[in-house]
Protein backbone atom coordinates (compact mmCIF):
# COMPACT_ATOMS: atom_id res chain seq x y z
CA MET A 1 -18.07 104.79 40.22
CA ASP A 2 -21.11 104.62 37.93
CA ILE A 3 -22.34 101.53 36.08
CA ALA A 4 -20.37 102.27 32.90
CA GLN A 5 -17.14 102.70 34.85
CA LEU A 6 -17.68 99.52 36.86
CA THR A 7 -18.54 97.56 33.71
CA SER A 8 -15.44 98.78 31.85
CA VAL A 9 -13.23 97.81 34.80
CA ALA A 10 -14.95 94.42 35.10
CA ILE A 11 -14.38 93.64 31.41
CA PHE A 12 -10.70 94.57 31.71
CA VAL A 13 -10.16 92.55 34.91
CA ILE A 14 -11.94 89.46 33.55
CA ALA A 15 -10.05 89.70 30.25
CA LEU A 16 -6.76 89.96 32.15
CA ALA A 17 -7.67 86.96 34.32
CA VAL A 18 -8.50 84.82 31.27
CA ILE A 19 -5.27 85.87 29.54
CA ILE A 20 -3.31 84.89 32.67
CA SER A 21 -5.07 81.50 32.77
CA GLU A 22 -3.84 80.74 29.21
CA LYS A 23 -7.11 78.84 28.63
CA VAL A 24 -8.10 81.00 25.67
CA HIS A 25 -5.80 82.67 23.15
CA ARG A 26 -5.24 86.31 24.14
CA ALA A 27 -6.35 87.56 20.71
CA VAL A 28 -9.74 85.85 21.18
CA VAL A 29 -10.00 87.32 24.69
CA ALA A 30 -9.24 90.84 23.46
CA LEU A 31 -11.70 90.51 20.58
CA THR A 32 -14.43 89.24 22.93
CA GLY A 33 -13.78 92.06 25.42
CA ALA A 34 -13.98 94.65 22.65
CA ALA A 35 -17.25 93.14 21.41
CA LEU A 36 -18.72 93.33 24.94
CA VAL A 37 -17.72 97.01 25.23
CA LEU A 38 -19.67 97.74 22.05
CA MET A 39 -22.65 95.45 22.74
CA LEU A 40 -23.16 96.81 26.26
CA GLY A 41 -23.11 100.37 24.94
CA ILE A 42 -20.19 101.53 27.07
CA MET A 43 -19.16 103.57 24.06
CA PRO A 44 -20.41 103.68 20.46
CA PHE A 45 -18.51 102.11 17.57
CA ASP A 46 -17.39 105.46 16.14
CA GLU A 47 -15.80 106.43 19.47
CA ALA A 48 -14.30 102.96 20.00
CA ILE A 49 -12.45 103.23 16.70
CA THR A 50 -10.80 106.46 17.86
CA HIS A 51 -9.20 104.59 20.78
CA ILE A 52 -7.41 102.16 18.47
CA ASP A 53 -3.85 103.38 18.03
CA PHE A 54 -3.55 102.93 14.28
CA ASN A 55 -0.05 104.40 14.39
CA THR A 56 1.10 101.49 16.58
CA LEU A 57 -0.74 98.96 14.41
CA GLY A 58 0.78 100.57 11.31
CA VAL A 59 4.29 100.21 12.75
CA LEU A 60 3.60 96.58 13.65
CA PHE A 61 2.15 95.70 10.24
CA GLY A 62 4.77 97.60 8.23
CA MET A 63 7.76 96.18 10.09
CA MET A 64 6.37 92.64 10.04
CA LEU A 65 6.11 92.90 6.25
CA PHE A 66 9.58 94.46 6.08
CA VAL A 67 11.21 91.74 8.19
CA GLY A 68 9.35 89.04 6.26
CA VAL A 69 11.16 90.17 3.10
CA VAL A 70 14.54 90.72 4.81
CA LYS A 71 14.44 87.11 6.08
CA LEU A 72 14.68 85.86 2.49
CA SER A 73 18.19 87.31 2.15
CA GLY A 74 19.69 85.11 4.87
CA LEU A 75 20.75 88.20 6.85
CA PHE A 76 19.54 86.83 10.18
CA GLU A 77 21.33 83.51 9.78
CA TYR A 78 24.50 85.37 8.74
CA LEU A 79 24.33 87.65 11.79
CA ALA A 80 23.57 84.71 14.09
CA VAL A 81 26.71 82.86 13.03
CA LYS A 82 28.74 86.09 13.15
CA CYS A 83 27.59 86.75 16.72
CA ALA A 84 28.46 83.18 17.70
CA HIS A 85 31.99 83.74 16.38
CA LEU A 86 32.32 87.06 18.25
CA ALA A 87 31.25 85.36 21.49
CA LYS A 88 33.47 82.34 20.75
CA GLY A 89 30.38 80.14 20.91
CA ASP A 90 29.76 80.78 24.62
CA PRO A 91 25.94 80.96 25.24
CA TRP A 92 26.24 83.47 28.12
CA ARG A 93 28.41 85.83 26.10
CA ILE A 94 25.92 85.55 23.26
CA MET A 95 23.07 86.40 25.64
CA VAL A 96 24.91 89.51 26.89
CA LEU A 97 25.73 90.52 23.32
CA PHE A 98 22.07 90.22 22.30
CA ILE A 99 20.89 92.10 25.42
CA LEU A 100 23.17 95.04 24.64
CA LEU A 101 22.38 94.95 20.91
CA THR A 102 18.64 94.86 21.61
CA ALA A 103 18.86 97.79 24.04
CA LEU A 104 20.94 99.84 21.59
CA LEU A 105 18.66 99.21 18.62
CA SER A 106 15.56 99.92 20.74
CA ALA A 107 16.94 103.37 21.53
CA PHE A 108 16.98 104.32 17.84
CA LEU A 109 14.26 102.09 16.39
CA ASP A 110 10.91 101.31 17.93
CA ASN A 111 10.84 98.29 20.26
CA VAL A 112 8.75 96.17 17.92
CA THR A 113 11.09 96.64 14.96
CA THR A 114 14.02 95.69 17.19
CA VAL A 115 12.53 92.43 18.44
CA LEU A 116 11.39 91.55 14.92
CA LEU A 117 15.04 91.84 13.84
CA ILE A 118 16.61 90.20 16.92
CA GLY A 119 14.06 87.38 17.35
CA PRO A 120 14.96 85.40 14.20
CA MET A 121 18.69 85.82 14.92
CA THR A 122 18.19 84.44 18.43
CA LEU A 123 16.19 81.43 17.27
CA ASN A 124 18.81 80.65 14.63
CA ILE A 125 21.78 80.82 16.97
CA CYS A 126 20.05 78.80 19.70
CA LYS A 127 19.17 76.18 17.12
CA LEU A 128 22.82 76.00 16.07
CA LEU A 129 24.00 75.66 19.69
CA LYS A 130 21.08 73.40 20.62
CA VAL A 131 20.07 75.50 23.63
CA ASP A 132 16.61 76.63 24.76
CA PRO A 133 15.96 80.11 23.30
CA THR A 134 13.33 81.02 25.92
CA PRO A 135 15.74 82.71 28.41
CA PHE A 136 17.33 84.61 25.52
CA LEU A 137 13.96 85.87 24.30
CA ILE A 138 12.76 86.86 27.79
CA THR A 139 15.92 88.90 28.44
CA GLU A 140 15.63 90.52 25.01
CA ILE A 141 12.04 91.59 25.70
CA MET A 142 13.22 93.35 28.85
CA ALA A 143 16.25 94.86 27.14
CA SER A 144 14.04 96.29 24.39
CA ASN A 145 11.84 98.11 26.90
CA ILE A 146 14.82 99.34 28.92
CA GLY A 147 16.75 100.50 25.85
CA GLY A 148 13.68 102.24 24.43
CA THR A 149 13.53 104.36 27.59
CA ALA A 150 16.81 106.09 26.74
CA THR A 151 15.73 108.33 23.86
CA LEU A 152 12.92 110.51 22.57
CA ILE A 153 12.04 108.01 19.83
CA GLY A 154 12.64 104.76 21.72
CA ASP A 155 9.13 104.42 23.17
CA PRO A 156 5.81 106.17 22.34
CA PRO A 157 5.38 107.70 25.85
CA ASN A 158 8.67 109.56 25.39
CA ILE A 159 7.50 111.00 22.07
CA MET A 160 4.30 112.21 23.75
CA ILE A 161 6.17 113.68 26.74
CA GLY A 162 8.76 115.35 24.52
CA SER A 163 6.03 117.00 22.48
CA ALA A 164 4.05 118.21 25.51
CA ALA A 165 7.00 119.36 27.65
CA GLY A 166 9.15 120.69 24.82
CA TYR A 167 12.00 118.22 25.38
CA GLY A 168 14.21 117.19 22.45
CA PHE A 169 16.36 114.18 21.57
CA VAL A 170 19.36 115.55 23.51
CA ASP A 171 17.26 116.11 26.66
CA PHE A 172 16.28 112.43 26.81
CA ILE A 173 19.88 111.34 26.23
CA ALA A 174 21.00 113.65 29.04
CA VAL A 175 18.38 112.57 31.60
CA ASP A 176 17.04 109.10 30.78
CA ALA A 177 20.10 107.49 29.14
CA PRO A 178 22.33 107.51 32.30
CA ALA A 179 19.57 105.68 34.21
CA VAL A 180 19.26 103.16 31.38
CA ILE A 181 23.03 102.46 31.38
CA LEU A 182 22.95 101.86 35.15
CA ILE A 183 19.92 99.59 34.85
CA LEU A 184 21.42 97.55 32.00
CA ALA A 185 24.61 96.95 33.99
CA VAL A 186 22.64 95.72 37.00
CA ILE A 187 20.25 93.45 35.09
CA CYS A 188 23.14 91.81 33.24
CA VAL A 189 24.47 90.76 36.65
CA ILE A 190 20.98 89.59 37.69
CA PHE A 191 20.56 87.60 34.46
CA TYR A 192 23.92 85.93 35.00
CA PHE A 193 22.71 84.45 38.27
CA MET A 194 19.28 83.63 36.80
CA TYR A 195 20.42 82.14 33.50
CA GLY A 196 24.12 82.57 32.81
CA ARG A 197 25.42 79.88 35.13
CA LYS A 198 22.96 77.36 33.66
CA LEU A 199 23.75 78.14 30.01
CA THR A 200 26.02 75.32 28.96
CA THR A 201 26.53 73.48 25.71
CA PRO A 202 28.97 70.67 24.84
CA GLN A 203 32.31 71.79 23.42
CA SER A 204 31.62 69.68 20.36
CA GLU A 205 28.53 71.81 19.58
CA ILE A 206 30.55 75.02 20.05
CA ASP A 207 33.28 73.70 17.75
CA ASP A 208 30.68 72.82 15.13
CA VAL A 209 29.23 76.34 15.26
CA LEU A 210 32.65 78.01 15.12
CA ALA A 211 33.45 75.91 12.06
CA LEU A 212 30.51 77.45 10.20
CA ARG A 213 31.20 80.23 7.69
CA PRO A 214 28.79 83.19 8.00
CA ALA A 215 29.00 83.88 4.25
CA ASP A 216 27.56 80.44 3.49
CA TYR A 217 24.23 81.50 4.99
CA ILE A 218 23.62 84.38 2.59
CA LYS A 219 20.79 83.24 0.31
CA ASP A 220 20.41 86.32 -1.91
CA ARG A 221 23.29 88.81 -2.08
CA ARG A 222 21.29 91.41 -4.02
CA LEU A 223 18.48 91.31 -1.46
CA LEU A 224 21.07 91.40 1.34
CA ARG A 225 22.49 94.68 0.02
CA ILE A 226 18.99 96.11 -0.33
CA SER A 227 18.08 94.95 3.18
CA VAL A 228 21.14 96.51 4.84
CA ALA A 229 20.56 99.81 3.03
CA MET A 230 16.86 99.76 3.92
CA ILE A 231 17.55 99.05 7.60
CA GLY A 232 19.84 102.08 7.63
CA LEU A 233 17.10 104.20 6.06
CA VAL A 234 14.57 102.92 8.60
CA VAL A 235 16.86 103.92 11.49
CA VAL A 236 17.29 107.42 10.03
CA GLY A 237 13.56 107.63 9.32
CA PHE A 238 12.60 106.77 12.90
CA MET A 239 15.16 109.25 14.26
CA PHE A 240 13.86 112.14 12.18
CA HIS A 241 10.21 111.30 11.56
CA GLY A 242 9.16 114.09 13.95
CA ASN A 243 11.18 116.67 12.03
CA LEU A 244 9.63 115.43 8.79
CA GLY A 245 6.14 115.66 10.21
CA TRP A 246 5.48 111.95 9.59
CA GLU A 247 4.09 109.41 12.02
CA SER A 248 6.35 106.43 12.76
CA SER A 249 3.79 104.19 11.00
CA VAL A 250 4.45 106.11 7.77
CA ILE A 251 8.14 105.19 8.01
CA ALA A 252 7.31 101.52 8.65
CA LEU A 253 4.73 101.23 5.87
CA ALA A 254 6.93 103.13 3.40
CA ALA A 255 9.87 100.82 4.24
CA ALA A 256 7.67 97.75 3.65
CA ALA A 257 6.39 99.10 0.33
CA LEU A 258 9.86 100.09 -0.88
CA ILE A 259 11.56 96.81 -0.04
CA LEU A 260 8.71 94.89 -1.70
CA LEU A 261 9.17 97.00 -4.85
CA LEU A 262 12.98 96.74 -4.92
CA SER A 263 13.19 93.05 -4.06
CA ARG A 264 10.24 91.95 -6.19
CA ALA A 265 9.42 89.57 -3.35
CA ASN A 266 6.21 87.55 -3.41
CA ILE A 267 3.59 89.63 -1.59
CA ASP A 268 1.67 86.50 -0.52
CA HIS A 269 4.80 85.15 1.18
CA ALA A 270 5.44 88.49 2.89
CA LEU A 271 1.85 88.73 4.15
CA ALA A 272 2.12 85.20 5.50
CA GLN A 273 4.93 86.44 7.81
CA VAL A 274 2.63 89.02 9.46
CA GLU A 275 1.60 88.10 13.03
CA TRP A 276 -2.11 88.70 12.46
CA THR A 277 -3.07 87.40 15.92
CA THR A 278 -0.85 90.09 17.46
CA LEU A 279 -2.59 92.83 15.45
CA VAL A 280 -6.03 91.52 16.47
CA PHE A 281 -4.95 91.35 20.12
CA PHE A 282 -3.79 94.96 20.15
CA ALA A 283 -6.87 96.26 18.33
CA GLY A 284 -9.13 94.58 20.89
CA LEU A 285 -7.00 95.67 23.85
CA PHE A 286 -7.04 99.29 22.67
CA ILE A 287 -10.84 99.23 22.71
CA ILE A 288 -11.01 97.59 26.17
CA VAL A 289 -8.60 100.15 27.67
CA GLY A 290 -10.30 102.88 25.65
CA ALA A 291 -13.56 102.07 27.43
CA MET A 292 -11.89 102.84 30.78
CA THR A 293 -10.51 106.06 29.30
CA ALA A 294 -13.90 107.09 27.89
CA THR A 295 -15.71 106.42 31.18
CA GLY A 296 -13.13 108.40 33.17
CA VAL A 297 -11.51 105.48 35.04
CA ILE A 298 -8.00 106.23 33.75
CA ASP A 299 -8.48 109.92 34.51
CA MET A 300 -9.56 109.08 38.08
CA LEU A 301 -6.51 106.86 38.52
CA ALA A 302 -4.08 109.50 37.26
CA THR A 303 -5.65 112.20 39.44
CA TRP A 304 -5.49 109.94 42.50
CA LEU A 305 -1.79 109.30 41.89
CA VAL A 306 -1.17 113.05 42.12
CA ASP A 307 -3.67 113.85 44.92
CA VAL A 308 -2.29 111.20 47.27
CA THR A 309 0.95 113.18 47.64
CA GLY A 310 -0.68 116.44 48.67
CA GLY A 311 1.15 118.41 45.98
CA ASN A 312 4.66 117.72 47.30
CA VAL A 313 6.93 117.60 44.22
CA PHE A 314 9.34 115.02 45.62
CA LEU A 315 6.61 112.66 46.84
CA THR A 316 4.65 113.18 43.62
CA MET A 317 7.77 112.23 41.62
CA ILE A 318 8.18 108.95 43.52
CA VAL A 319 4.46 108.10 43.41
CA LEU A 320 4.27 108.87 39.68
CA LEU A 321 7.34 106.74 38.97
CA PHE A 322 6.04 103.64 40.76
CA GLY A 323 2.40 104.28 39.85
CA SER A 324 3.22 104.71 36.16
CA ALA A 325 5.28 101.51 36.22
CA VAL A 326 2.65 99.32 37.88
CA VAL A 327 -0.18 100.71 35.76
CA SER A 328 1.86 100.36 32.55
CA ALA A 329 2.62 96.73 33.37
CA PHE A 330 -1.03 95.83 32.79
CA LEU A 331 -2.52 98.75 30.86
CA ASP A 332 -1.39 100.33 27.64
CA ASN A 333 0.93 103.17 28.70
CA ILE A 334 -0.14 105.42 25.82
CA PRO A 335 -3.63 106.38 27.15
CA PHE A 336 -2.22 106.61 30.68
CA VAL A 337 0.50 109.06 29.63
CA ALA A 338 -2.02 110.92 27.48
CA THR A 339 -4.13 111.38 30.63
CA MET A 340 -1.16 112.45 32.77
CA ILE A 341 0.01 115.15 30.33
CA PRO A 342 -2.86 117.65 30.88
CA ILE A 343 -2.64 117.06 34.66
CA LEU A 344 1.08 117.92 34.69
CA LEU A 345 0.54 120.90 32.39
CA SER A 346 -2.15 122.28 34.72
CA MET A 347 0.19 121.80 37.71
CA GLU A 348 2.89 123.67 35.81
CA ALA A 349 0.46 126.48 35.00
CA ALA A 350 -0.26 126.75 38.74
CA GLY A 351 3.42 127.51 39.35
CA MET A 352 4.64 124.02 40.36
CA ASP A 353 8.03 122.81 39.10
CA VAL A 354 7.02 119.68 37.19
CA THR A 355 10.39 118.94 35.54
CA PRO A 356 11.10 115.90 37.78
CA LEU A 357 7.55 114.67 37.21
CA TRP A 358 7.93 114.48 33.41
CA TRP A 359 10.99 112.25 33.83
CA ALA A 360 9.28 110.14 36.50
CA VAL A 361 6.40 109.41 34.12
CA SER A 362 8.83 108.71 31.27
CA LEU A 363 10.91 106.22 33.24
CA GLY A 364 7.93 104.62 34.97
CA ALA A 365 5.75 104.19 31.89
CA CYS A 366 8.59 102.77 29.76
CA LEU A 367 10.19 100.49 32.38
CA GLY A 368 6.76 99.31 33.52
CA GLY A 369 6.34 97.50 30.21
CA ASN A 370 8.49 94.69 31.61
CA GLY A 371 5.97 93.96 34.37
CA SER A 372 3.85 91.52 32.38
CA LEU A 373 3.56 89.82 29.01
CA ILE A 374 1.01 92.41 27.84
CA GLY A 375 2.92 95.40 29.25
CA ALA A 376 4.41 96.45 25.90
CA SER A 377 4.03 95.73 22.19
CA ALA A 378 7.48 94.12 22.01
CA ASN A 379 6.51 91.59 24.70
CA VAL A 380 3.49 90.38 22.76
CA VAL A 381 5.25 90.29 19.38
CA LEU A 382 8.33 88.37 20.54
CA SER A 383 6.33 85.93 22.66
CA ASP A 384 4.13 85.19 19.62
CA ILE A 385 7.23 84.56 17.50
CA SER A 386 8.55 82.27 20.23
CA ARG A 387 5.25 80.37 20.43
CA LYS A 388 5.09 79.86 16.67
CA ASN A 389 8.56 78.34 16.77
CA GLY A 390 7.63 75.83 19.47
CA TYR A 391 8.75 77.74 22.58
CA PRO A 392 5.64 79.22 24.25
CA ILE A 393 6.21 81.89 26.90
CA THR A 394 3.20 81.88 29.23
CA PHE A 395 1.83 84.91 31.04
CA VAL A 396 2.73 83.49 34.46
CA GLN A 397 6.18 82.36 33.31
CA PHE A 398 7.02 85.88 32.17
CA LEU A 399 5.35 87.51 35.19
CA LYS A 400 7.57 85.55 37.62
CA VAL A 401 10.66 87.03 35.98
CA GLY A 402 9.41 90.28 34.53
CA PHE A 403 7.57 91.80 37.48
CA PRO A 404 10.42 91.46 40.03
CA VAL A 405 12.94 92.71 37.44
CA MET A 406 10.62 95.61 36.62
CA LEU A 407 10.36 96.57 40.30
CA LEU A 408 14.16 96.40 40.64
CA THR A 409 14.67 98.66 37.62
CA VAL A 410 12.12 101.15 38.97
CA VAL A 411 13.88 101.19 42.36
CA LEU A 412 17.13 101.94 40.54
CA ALA A 413 15.36 104.66 38.56
CA ALA A 414 13.99 106.10 41.82
CA GLY A 415 17.49 106.27 43.29
CA TYR A 416 18.73 107.95 40.13
CA LEU A 417 15.90 110.53 40.16
CA VAL A 418 16.51 111.33 43.82
CA LEU A 419 20.16 112.06 43.03
CA ARG A 420 19.25 113.97 39.89
CA PHE A 421 16.39 115.96 41.44
CA PRO A 422 17.06 115.98 45.21
CA PRO A 423 14.25 117.12 47.56
CA MET A 424 14.44 120.78 48.46
């Protein structure tokens, strides 16, 4: 490695260590790391800007604005009470219901939009039942990343892979969705032993919740109707944004603009709901990871993952699955997948059957997001919401649960891929 490569790796490792320590807010760490990249001349400002994924930031900003307006209708409180009634007030049943709902929504919306919708509902229902929302939020983070793996539009790596390999929506449903269903079934059992047996609340609290009328929590019926219609449009927009030739950020920003126009909501109030620290964190992190991309570190890592197998398709599939997962737990999976795509395309041009490898990268990069608190956008967004409501989720706290669960899901995915693409 040359000096620039070593420096970029050092900045990333130190930033990660400080984030883990929880001594400094992660947004400040990311901003400082980005400043060091620029000050030390690892890459110029103009190039650094190109590494910021403005599409991701646009989705985050647009959906935060959108949800900030939807909140005013009382929709989340209404749904929270409705879910409590469906689950007969039992906290474990509610957790399972929210896990499945989060996974389903994440398959058709982006992960961030899903957790922005589910997060307020969870906090409301836990407040009603007087239970700690932290286990609910942790399981929802993981469900969002698992559910997003199932479809072409569920997670950005899948969109990139679909475009490069020529796979469509139906292809992802046919290959990735069965693995996701298997994984969801297994983690629900795991979560029962981790959390379900401990989730108890006095019968008096359950009776009080069941006595509540969902309709009483609707604050603005006109805005509620607009919100429901707009959520439907957002789902359709995210499903077909590729066919329309629009980036997903265009859908999110257009939804925010339209609901602000229709609702006549106070723009200052809506902007106050935006998680600005989350946006700053991601902007800084994109530059830090971008420095490793620009200096060739990510390229070296991706090439090593392929070279270590000696060109054997089966071994390459397994190495790419686990390698993509571990790397994506701590690095943004978008630049990693972007680096892997030309490598796989060149292998295909050389006559190698890379079909299993595309799916290995898809499953590994998406499931790997559960490995740490910074592994995916949804993790950061929902943990920030949790912190602002008085329930901080620390890096180490999430790592103790997330990393083992991530490894388990990847092992399940490996078994599935072996059955789906057996060695010749």
